[in-house]
Amino acid sequence: MKIGIIGAMDVEVEEIINNMTEKKTEDVGHLHFVEGFIGKTPVVIAKSGVGKVSAGICTQTLILKYNVSCVINTGIAGGIASELSIMDTVISTDAMYHDFDATEFGYKRNEVPGLGTISFPADEKLIELAERSYEEGVKSGKLHRKVVKGRIATGDIFVNSSIKKSALKAMCDPACVEMEGAAIAQVCYLNKVPYVILRSISDLAENTTEVYMEKEAALENAYIVMNMIKLM
């Protein structure tokens, strides 16, 4: 078993890399991969870069070159669900594109032509492991916020206004919005590789003047991912 981990930015992967042992690195194209162990479990992690194309390339490389057993996407997101506050965590039930529209050709809104689905379901066992990891973090006193299971909405658009947020909620009712998850989910879906997305809420996707809790949210999510892998 080898676990693939993807984060879009340095802040989303550096804490996990710092806690890995027996590390070795390799560049594949423009991507930098770090192999090693979390506990006794082999992992390989990469910073994909922001956006759907970058995330898709990274995921396919993890699957084809490193033969990972599953993929965990870690990172931050904008909260959409009304029950979410900054620093809460979302565990994906599924992921979908909010900026994909081929309805002129008879497809449903958000549906990728040829796939017969508007969303890509996350793996139930990985969802359960993520929940257990969060529960243990709360019991140990390391985590103090709440966790919500829900849909991840992905698009190459930074959502930062109440108008965009309301439109997104009406369209696909996601728990949170970000820029990579559905691309990772689609690649895993096509390759029949289990995945889950874990997102800590850094902002509420509606106010350009609010303070974005990138570092704090990313660190919280990194803890959940590392503890989740130790439970495997």
C-alpha atoms as a PDB file:
ATOM      1  CA  MET A   1       0.000   0.000   0.000  1.00  0.00           C
ATOM      2  CA  LYS A   2       1.291   3.453  -0.947  1.00  0.00           C
ATOM      3  CA  ILE A   3      -0.712   6.605  -0.257  1.00  0.00           C
ATOM      4  CA  GLY A   4      -0.669   9.518  -2.675  1.00  0.00           C
ATOM      5  CA  ILE A   5      -1.118  12.998  -1.191  1.00  0.00           C
ATOM      6  CA  ILE A   6      -1.745  16.186  -3.151  1.00  0.00           C
ATOM      7  CA  GLY A   7      -1.841  19.804  -2.029  1.00  0.00           C
ATOM      8  CA  ALA A   8      -2.004  22.769  -4.367  1.00  0.00           C
ATOM      9  CA  MET A   9       0.348  25.098  -2.481  1.00  0.00           C
ATOM     10  CA  ASP A  10       3.471  24.875  -0.326  1.00  0.00           C
ATOM     11  CA  VAL A  11       1.492  25.771   2.783  1.00  0.00           C
ATOM     12  CA  GLU A  12      -0.710  22.700   2.207  1.00  0.00           C
ATOM     13  CA  VAL A  13       2.097  20.133   1.928  1.00  0.00           C
ATOM     14  CA  GLU A  14       5.111  21.397   3.867  1.00  0.00           C
ATOM     15  CA  GLU A  15       3.957  20.241   7.322  1.00  0.00           C
ATOM     16  CA  ILE A  16       3.356  16.715   6.051  1.00  0.00           C
ATOM     17  CA  ILE A  17       6.729  16.624   4.285  1.00  0.00           C
ATOM     18  CA  ASN A  18       8.443  17.828   7.474  1.00  0.00           C
ATOM     19  CA  ASN A  19       6.938  14.883   9.366  1.00  0.00           C
ATOM     20  CA  MET A  20       7.894  12.200   6.833  1.00  0.00           C
ATOM     21  CA  THR A  21      10.833   9.857   7.375  1.00  0.00           C
ATOM     22  CA  GLU A  22      13.269   8.206   4.938  1.00  0.00           C
ATOM     23  CA  LYS A  23      12.550  10.880   2.376  1.00  0.00           C
ATOM     24  CA  LYS A  24      13.727  10.859  -1.216  1.00  0.00           C
ATOM     25  CA  THR A  25      12.780  13.331  -3.919  1.00  0.00           C
ATOM     26  CA  GLU A  26      12.252  13.204  -7.660  1.00  0.00           C
ATOM     27  CA  ASP A  27      11.225  15.715 -10.312  1.00  0.00           C
ATOM     28  CA  VAL A  28       8.802  14.512 -12.967  1.00  0.00           C
ATOM     29  CA  GLY A  29       8.223  17.185 -15.551  1.00  0.00           C
ATOM     30  CA  HIS A  30       7.460  20.368 -13.644  1.00  0.00           C
ATOM     31  CA  LEU A  31       6.344  18.499 -10.514  1.00  0.00           C
ATOM     32  CA  HIS A  32       8.414  17.702  -7.427  1.00  0.00           C
ATOM     33  CA  PHE A  33       7.537  14.447  -5.628  1.00  0.00           C
ATOM     34  CA  VAL A  34       8.665  13.412  -2.145  1.00  0.00           C
ATOM     35  CA  GLU A  35       8.517   9.734  -1.175  1.00  0.00           C
ATOM     36  CA  GLY A  36       8.873   8.484   2.382  1.00  0.00           C
ATOM     37  CA  PHE A  37       6.901   7.209   5.339  1.00  0.00           C
ATOM     38  CA  ILE A  38       4.308   8.504   7.764  1.00  0.00           C
ATOM     39  CA  GLY A  39       4.594   6.082  10.624  1.00  0.00           C
ATOM     40  CA  LYS A  40       5.074   2.764   8.860  1.00  0.00           C
ATOM     41  CA  THR A  41       2.985   3.636   5.820  1.00  0.00           C
ATOM     42  CA  PRO A  42       4.713   4.550   2.543  1.00  0.00           C
ATOM     43  CA  VAL A  43       3.504   7.818   1.036  1.00  0.00           C
ATOM     44  CA  VAL A  44       4.346  10.059  -1.894  1.00  0.00           C
ATOM     45  CA  ILE A  45       3.346  13.712  -1.824  1.00  0.00           C
ATOM     46  CA  ALA A  46       3.423  16.545  -4.341  1.00  0.00           C
ATOM     47  CA  LYS A  47       2.462  20.182  -4.667  1.00  0.00           C
ATOM     48  CA  SER A  48       0.300  20.206  -7.781  1.00  0.00           C
ATOM     49  CA  GLY A  49      -0.052  23.928  -8.272  1.00  0.00           C
ATOM     50  CA  VAL A  50      -3.367  25.771  -8.346  1.00  0.00           C
ATOM     51  CA  GLY A  51      -6.155  24.856 -10.742  1.00  0.00           C
ATOM     52  CA  LYS A  52      -7.802  21.888 -12.406  1.00  0.00           C
ATOM     53  CA  VAL A  53      -5.221  21.101 -15.086  1.00  0.00           C
ATOM     54  CA  SER A  54      -2.315  21.130 -12.638  1.00  0.00           C
ATOM     55  CA  ALA A  55      -4.232  18.924 -10.212  1.00  0.00           C
ATOM     56  CA  GLY A  56      -5.166  16.443 -12.934  1.00  0.00           C
ATOM     57  CA  ILE A  57      -1.577  16.116 -14.183  1.00  0.00           C
ATOM     58  CA  CYS A  58      -0.323  15.520 -10.648  1.00  0.00           C
ATOM     59  CA  THR A  59      -2.951  12.874  -9.927  1.00  0.00           C
ATOM     60  CA  GLN A  60      -2.296  10.936 -13.113  1.00  0.00           C
ATOM     61  CA  THR A  61       1.443  10.956 -12.393  1.00  0.00           C
ATOM     62  CA  LEU A  62       0.879   9.619  -8.882  1.00  0.00           C
ATOM     63  CA  ILE A  63      -1.240   6.798 -10.272  1.00  0.00           C
ATOM     64  CA  LEU A  64       0.862   5.805 -13.286  1.00  0.00           C
ATOM     65  CA  LYS A  65       4.406   6.384 -12.042  1.00  0.00           C
ATOM     66  CA  TYR A  66       4.082   5.760  -8.326  1.00  0.00           C
ATOM     67  CA  ASN A  67       1.245   3.204  -8.399  1.00  0.00           C
ATOM     68  CA  VAL A  68      -0.508   4.685  -5.371  1.00  0.00           C
ATOM     69  CA  SER A  69      -3.313   2.704  -3.722  1.00  0.00           C
ATOM     70  CA  CYS A  70      -5.418   5.802  -3.038  1.00  0.00           C
ATOM     71  CA  VAL A  71      -5.234   9.577  -3.208  1.00  0.00           C
ATOM     72  CA  ILE A  72      -5.829  12.098  -0.420  1.00  0.00           C
ATOM     73  CA  ASN A  73      -6.233  15.728  -1.415  1.00  0.00           C
ATOM     74  CA  THR A  74      -5.380  18.067   1.441  1.00  0.00           C
ATOM     75  CA  GLY A  75      -5.829  21.794   1.547  1.00  0.00           C
ATOM     76  CA  ILE A  76      -7.964  24.806   2.262  1.00  0.00           C
ATOM     77  CA  ALA A  77     -11.274  25.991   0.825  1.00  0.00           C
ATOM     78  CA  GLY A  78     -13.977  28.605   1.018  1.00  0.00           C
ATOM     79  CA  GLY A  79     -16.949  27.599   3.132  1.00  0.00           C
ATOM     80  CA  ILE A  80     -20.363  27.514   1.461  1.00  0.00           C
ATOM     81  CA  ALA A  81     -22.569  25.449   3.802  1.00  0.00           C
ATOM     82  CA  SER A  82     -24.317  27.654   6.363  1.00  0.00           C
ATOM     83  CA  GLU A  83     -23.132  25.557   9.311  1.00  0.00           C
ATOM     84  CA  LEU A  84     -19.446  26.075   8.499  1.00  0.00           C
ATOM     85  CA  SER A  85     -17.154  28.551  10.201  1.00  0.00           C
ATOM     86  CA  ILE A  86     -13.527  29.405   9.524  1.00  0.00           C
ATOM     87  CA  MET A  87     -11.212  26.559  10.629  1.00  0.00           C
ATOM     88  CA  ASP A  88     -13.933  23.892  10.379  1.00  0.00           C
ATOM     89  CA  THR A  89     -13.185  20.850   8.209  1.00  0.00           C
ATOM     90  CA  VAL A  90     -15.012  19.329   5.225  1.00  0.00           C
ATOM     91  CA  ILE A  91     -14.670  15.657   4.275  1.00  0.00           C
ATOM     92  CA  SER A  92     -15.820  15.062   0.719  1.00  0.00           C
ATOM     93  CA  THR A  93     -18.786  12.865  -0.069  1.00  0.00           C
ATOM     94  CA  ASP A  94     -18.337  13.690  -3.746  1.00  0.00           C
ATOM     95  CA  ALA A  95     -16.796  16.348  -5.971  1.00  0.00           C
ATOM     96  CA  MET A  96     -18.076  18.170  -9.027  1.00  0.00           C
ATOM     97  CA  TYR A  97     -17.198  21.045 -11.347  1.00  0.00           C
ATOM     98  CA  HIS A  98     -19.213  24.216 -10.875  1.00  0.00           C
ATOM     99  CA  ASP A  99     -17.810  25.817 -14.042  1.00  0.00           C
ATOM    100  CA  PHE A 100     -18.563  23.020 -16.532  1.00  0.00           C
ATOM    101  CA  ASP A 101     -21.503  23.659 -18.844  1.00  0.00           C
ATOM    102  CA  ALA A 102     -22.247  21.519 -21.908  1.00  0.00           C
ATOM    103  CA  THR A 103     -26.028  21.928 -21.681  1.00  0.00           C
ATOM    104  CA  GLU A 104     -26.170  23.186 -25.281  1.00  0.00           C
ATOM    105  CA  PHE A 105     -25.363  19.610 -26.335  1.00  0.00           C
ATOM    106  CA  GLY A 106     -28.043  18.022 -24.150  1.00  0.00           C
ATOM    107  CA  TYR A 107     -25.947  17.292 -21.072  1.00  0.00           C
ATOM    108  CA  LYS A 108     -26.891  18.200 -17.521  1.00  0.00           C
ATOM    109  CA  ARG A 109     -25.295  21.269 -15.977  1.00  0.00           C
ATOM    110  CA  ASN A 110     -21.938  20.293 -14.418  1.00  0.00           C
ATOM    111  CA  GLU A 111     -21.825  16.986 -16.348  1.00  0.00           C
ATOM    112  CA  VAL A 112     -18.611  16.084 -18.182  1.00  0.00           C
ATOM    113  CA  PRO A 113     -19.656  14.668 -21.587  1.00  0.00           C
ATOM    114  CA  GLY A 114     -19.157  10.951 -21.938  1.00  0.00           C
ATOM    115  CA  LEU A 115     -18.945  10.120 -18.248  1.00  0.00           C
ATOM    116  CA  GLY A 116     -22.650   9.888 -17.399  1.00  0.00           C
ATOM    117  CA  THR A 117     -22.305  11.614 -14.038  1.00  0.00           C
ATOM    118  CA  ILE A 118     -22.271  15.137 -12.661  1.00  0.00           C
ATOM    119  CA  SER A 119     -20.122  14.208  -9.649  1.00  0.00           C
ATOM    120  CA  PHE A 120     -17.438  11.780  -8.582  1.00  0.00           C
ATOM    121  CA  PRO A 121     -18.097   9.921  -5.304  1.00  0.00           C
ATOM    122  CA  ALA A 122     -15.393   9.692  -2.665  1.00  0.00           C
ATOM    123  CA  ASP A 123     -14.397   6.345  -1.182  1.00  0.00           C
ATOM    124  CA  GLU A 124     -16.507   5.316   1.823  1.00  0.00           C
ATOM    125  CA  LYS A 125     -13.615   3.674   3.698  1.00  0.00           C
ATOM    126  CA  LEU A 126     -11.438   6.749   3.305  1.00  0.00           C
ATOM    127  CA  ILE A 127     -14.311   8.950   4.477  1.00  0.00           C
ATOM    128  CA  GLU A 128     -14.669   6.776   7.603  1.00  0.00           C
ATOM    129  CA  LEU A 129     -10.916   6.946   8.266  1.00  0.00           C
ATOM    130  CA  ALA A 130     -10.969  10.720   7.942  1.00  0.00           C
ATOM    131  CA  GLU A 131     -13.853  10.923  10.422  1.00  0.00           C
ATOM    132  CA  ARG A 132     -11.996   8.683  12.889  1.00  0.00           C
ATOM    133  CA  SER A 133      -8.884  10.803  12.529  1.00  0.00           C
ATOM    134  CA  TYR A 134     -10.847  13.948  13.293  1.00  0.00           C
ATOM    135  CA  GLU A 135     -12.584  12.360  16.283  1.00  0.00           C
ATOM    136  CA  GLU A 136      -9.239  11.277  17.731  1.00  0.00           C
ATOM    137  CA  GLY A 137      -7.901  14.794  17.247  1.00  0.00           C
ATOM    138  CA  VAL A 138     -10.823  16.224  19.191  1.00  0.00           C
ATOM    139  CA  LYS A 139     -10.392  13.678  22.002  1.00  0.00           C
ATOM    140  CA  SER A 140      -6.683  14.455  22.254  1.00  0.00           C
ATOM    141  CA  GLY A 141      -7.389  18.180  22.441  1.00  0.00           C
ATOM    142  CA  LYS A 142      -5.490  18.958  19.212  1.00  0.00           C
ATOM    143  CA  LEU A 143      -8.604  19.834  17.218  1.00  0.00           C
ATOM    144  CA  HIS A 144     -11.318  22.148  18.477  1.00  0.00           C
ATOM    145  CA  ARG A 145     -13.630  22.832  15.564  1.00  0.00           C
ATOM    146  CA  LYS A 146     -16.276  20.740  13.828  1.00  0.00           C
ATOM    147  CA  VAL A 147     -16.209  18.458  10.814  1.00  0.00           C
ATOM    148  CA  VAL A 148     -18.851  18.319   8.071  1.00  0.00           C
ATOM    149  CA  LYS A 149     -19.273  15.762   5.305  1.00  0.00           C
ATOM    150  CA  GLY A 150     -20.395  17.201   1.993  1.00  0.00           C
ATOM    151  CA  ARG A 151     -19.864  17.988  -1.653  1.00  0.00           C
ATOM    152  CA  ILE A 152     -16.766  19.744  -2.945  1.00  0.00           C
ATOM    153  CA  ALA A 153     -17.348  22.234  -5.780  1.00  0.00           C
ATOM    154  CA  THR A 154     -14.373  22.937  -8.025  1.00  0.00           C
ATOM    155  CA  GLY A 155     -13.709  25.557 -10.670  1.00  0.00           C
ATOM    156  CA  ASP A 156     -10.982  27.778 -12.061  1.00  0.00           C
ATOM    157  CA  ILE A 157     -12.661  30.736 -10.376  1.00  0.00           C
ATOM    158  CA  PHE A 158     -11.822  32.238  -6.985  1.00  0.00           C
ATOM    159  CA  VAL A 159     -15.169  32.690  -5.239  1.00  0.00           C
ATOM    160  CA  ASN A 160     -15.035  35.778  -3.043  1.00  0.00           C
ATOM    161  CA  SER A 161     -18.412  37.489  -3.121  1.00  0.00           C
ATOM    162  CA  SER A 162     -21.818  36.841  -1.625  1.00  0.00           C
ATOM    163  CA  ILE A 163     -23.392  36.951  -5.110  1.00  0.00           C
ATOM    164  CA  LYS A 164     -21.069  34.234  -6.454  1.00  0.00           C
ATOM    165  CA  LYS A 165     -21.528  32.225  -3.275  1.00  0.00           C
ATOM    166  CA  SER A 166     -25.345  32.336  -3.461  1.00  0.00           C
ATOM    167  CA  ALA A 167     -25.308  31.320  -7.125  1.00  0.00           C
ATOM    168  CA  LEU A 168     -22.975  28.421  -6.374  1.00  0.00           C
ATOM    169  CA  LYS A 169     -25.123  27.232  -3.496  1.00  0.00           C
ATOM    170  CA  ALA A 170     -28.239  27.297  -5.697  1.00  0.00           C
ATOM    171  CA  MET A 171     -26.460  25.433  -8.491  1.00  0.00           C
ATOM    172  CA  CYS A 172     -24.976  22.458  -6.663  1.00  0.00           C
ATOM    173  CA  ASP A 173     -25.305  22.961  -2.886  1.00  0.00           C
ATOM    174  CA  PRO A 174     -21.681  22.212  -1.963  1.00  0.00           C
ATOM    175  CA  ALA A 175     -20.167  22.300   1.479  1.00  0.00           C
ATOM    176  CA  CYS A 176     -17.178  24.237   0.181  1.00  0.00           C
ATOM    177  CA  VAL A 177     -15.560  25.577  -2.971  1.00  0.00           C
ATOM    178  CA  GLU A 178     -11.968  25.338  -4.211  1.00  0.00           C
ATOM    179  CA  MET A 179      -9.938  24.922  -7.417  1.00  0.00           C
ATOM    180  CA  GLU A 180      -8.535  21.367  -7.625  1.00  0.00           C
ATOM    181  CA  GLY A 181     -10.647  18.675  -5.975  1.00  0.00           C
ATOM    182  CA  ALA A 182     -12.989  17.603  -8.777  1.00  0.00           C
ATOM    183  CA  ALA A 183     -10.088  17.263 -11.220  1.00  0.00           C
ATOM    184  CA  ILE A 184      -8.348  14.930  -8.764  1.00  0.00           C
ATOM    185  CA  ALA A 185     -11.633  13.092  -8.251  1.00  0.00           C
ATOM    186  CA  GLN A 186     -12.226  12.699 -12.005  1.00  0.00           C
ATOM    187  CA  VAL A 187      -8.771  11.251 -12.626  1.00  0.00           C
ATOM    188  CA  CYS A 188      -9.233   8.818  -9.738  1.00  0.00           C
ATOM    189  CA  TYR A 189     -12.697   7.904 -11.037  1.00  0.00           C
ATOM    190  CA  LEU A 190     -11.342   7.141 -14.509  1.00  0.00           C
ATOM    191  CA  ASN A 191      -8.475   5.077 -13.080  1.00  0.00           C
ATOM    192  CA  LYS A 192     -10.653   3.317 -10.461  1.00  0.00           C
ATOM    193  CA  VAL A 193      -8.454   4.588  -7.623  1.00  0.00           C
ATOM    194  CA  PRO A 194     -10.110   5.494  -4.284  1.00  0.00           C
ATOM    195  CA  TYR A 195      -9.869   9.112  -3.177  1.00  0.00           C
ATOM    196  CA  VAL A 196     -11.016  11.536  -0.533  1.00  0.00           C
ATOM    197  CA  ILE A 197     -10.701  15.306  -0.238  1.00  0.00           C
ATOM    198  CA  LEU A 198     -10.090  17.001   3.115  1.00  0.00           C
ATOM    199  CA  ARG A 199     -10.481  20.765   3.250  1.00  0.00           C
ATOM    200  CA  SER A 200     -10.097  23.108   6.180  1.00  0.00           C
ATOM    201  CA  ILE A 201     -12.104  26.294   5.825  1.00  0.00           C
ATOM    202  CA  SER A 202      -9.819  29.319   5.456  1.00  0.00           C
ATOM    203  CA  ASP A 203     -12.554  31.818   4.520  1.00  0.00           C
ATOM    204  CA  LEU A 204     -16.279  31.994   3.814  1.00  0.00           C
ATOM    205  CA  ALA A 205     -16.016  32.768   0.086  1.00  0.00           C
ATOM    206  CA  GLU A 206     -17.819  36.072   0.257  1.00  0.00           C
ATOM    207  CA  ASN A 207     -15.713  38.972   1.464  1.00  0.00           C
ATOM    208  CA  THR A 208     -12.494  40.165  -0.127  1.00  0.00           C
ATOM    209  CA  THR A 209     -11.585  42.115   3.012  1.00  0.00           C
ATOM    210  CA  GLU A 210     -11.687  39.201   5.455  1.00  0.00           C
ATOM    211  CA  VAL A 211      -8.506  37.645   6.829  1.00  0.00           C
ATOM    212  CA  TYR A 212      -7.740  34.358   5.087  1.00  0.00           C
ATOM    213  CA  MET A 213      -6.555  31.742   7.571  1.00  0.00           C
ATOM    214  CA  GLU A 214      -4.378  29.864   5.039  1.00  0.00           C
ATOM    215  CA  LYS A 215      -1.536  28.746   7.295  1.00  0.00           C
ATOM    216  CA  GLU A 216      -3.682  27.851  10.287  1.00  0.00           C
ATOM    217  CA  ALA A 217      -6.237  25.929   8.223  1.00  0.00           C
ATOM    218  CA  ALA A 218      -3.570  24.077   6.252  1.00  0.00           C
ATOM    219  CA  LEU A 219      -1.808  22.969   9.447  1.00  0.00           C
ATOM    220  CA  GLU A 220      -5.044  21.664  10.916  1.00  0.00           C
ATOM    221  CA  ASN A 221      -5.776  19.694   7.769  1.00  0.00           C
ATOM    222  CA  ALA A 222      -2.243  18.298   7.653  1.00  0.00           C
ATOM    223  CA  TYR A 223      -2.709  16.897  11.150  1.00  0.00           C
ATOM    224  CA  ILE A 224      -5.913  15.135  10.119  1.00  0.00           C
ATOM    225  CA  VAL A 225      -4.228  13.617   7.043  1.00  0.00           C
ATOM    226  CA  MET A 226      -1.199  12.360   8.970  1.00  0.00           C
ATOM    227  CA  ASN A 227      -3.305  10.877  11.742  1.00  0.00           C
ATOM    228  CA  MET A 228      -5.614   9.285   9.171  1.00  0.00           C
ATOM    229  CA  ILE A 229      -2.663   7.533   7.527  1.00  0.00           C
ATOM    230  CA  LYS A 230      -1.448   6.236  10.876  1.00  0.00           C
ATOM    231  CA  LEU A 231      -4.883   4.643  11.359  1.00  0.00           C
ATOM    232  CA  MET A 232      -4.637   2.673   8.114  1.00  0.00           C
END
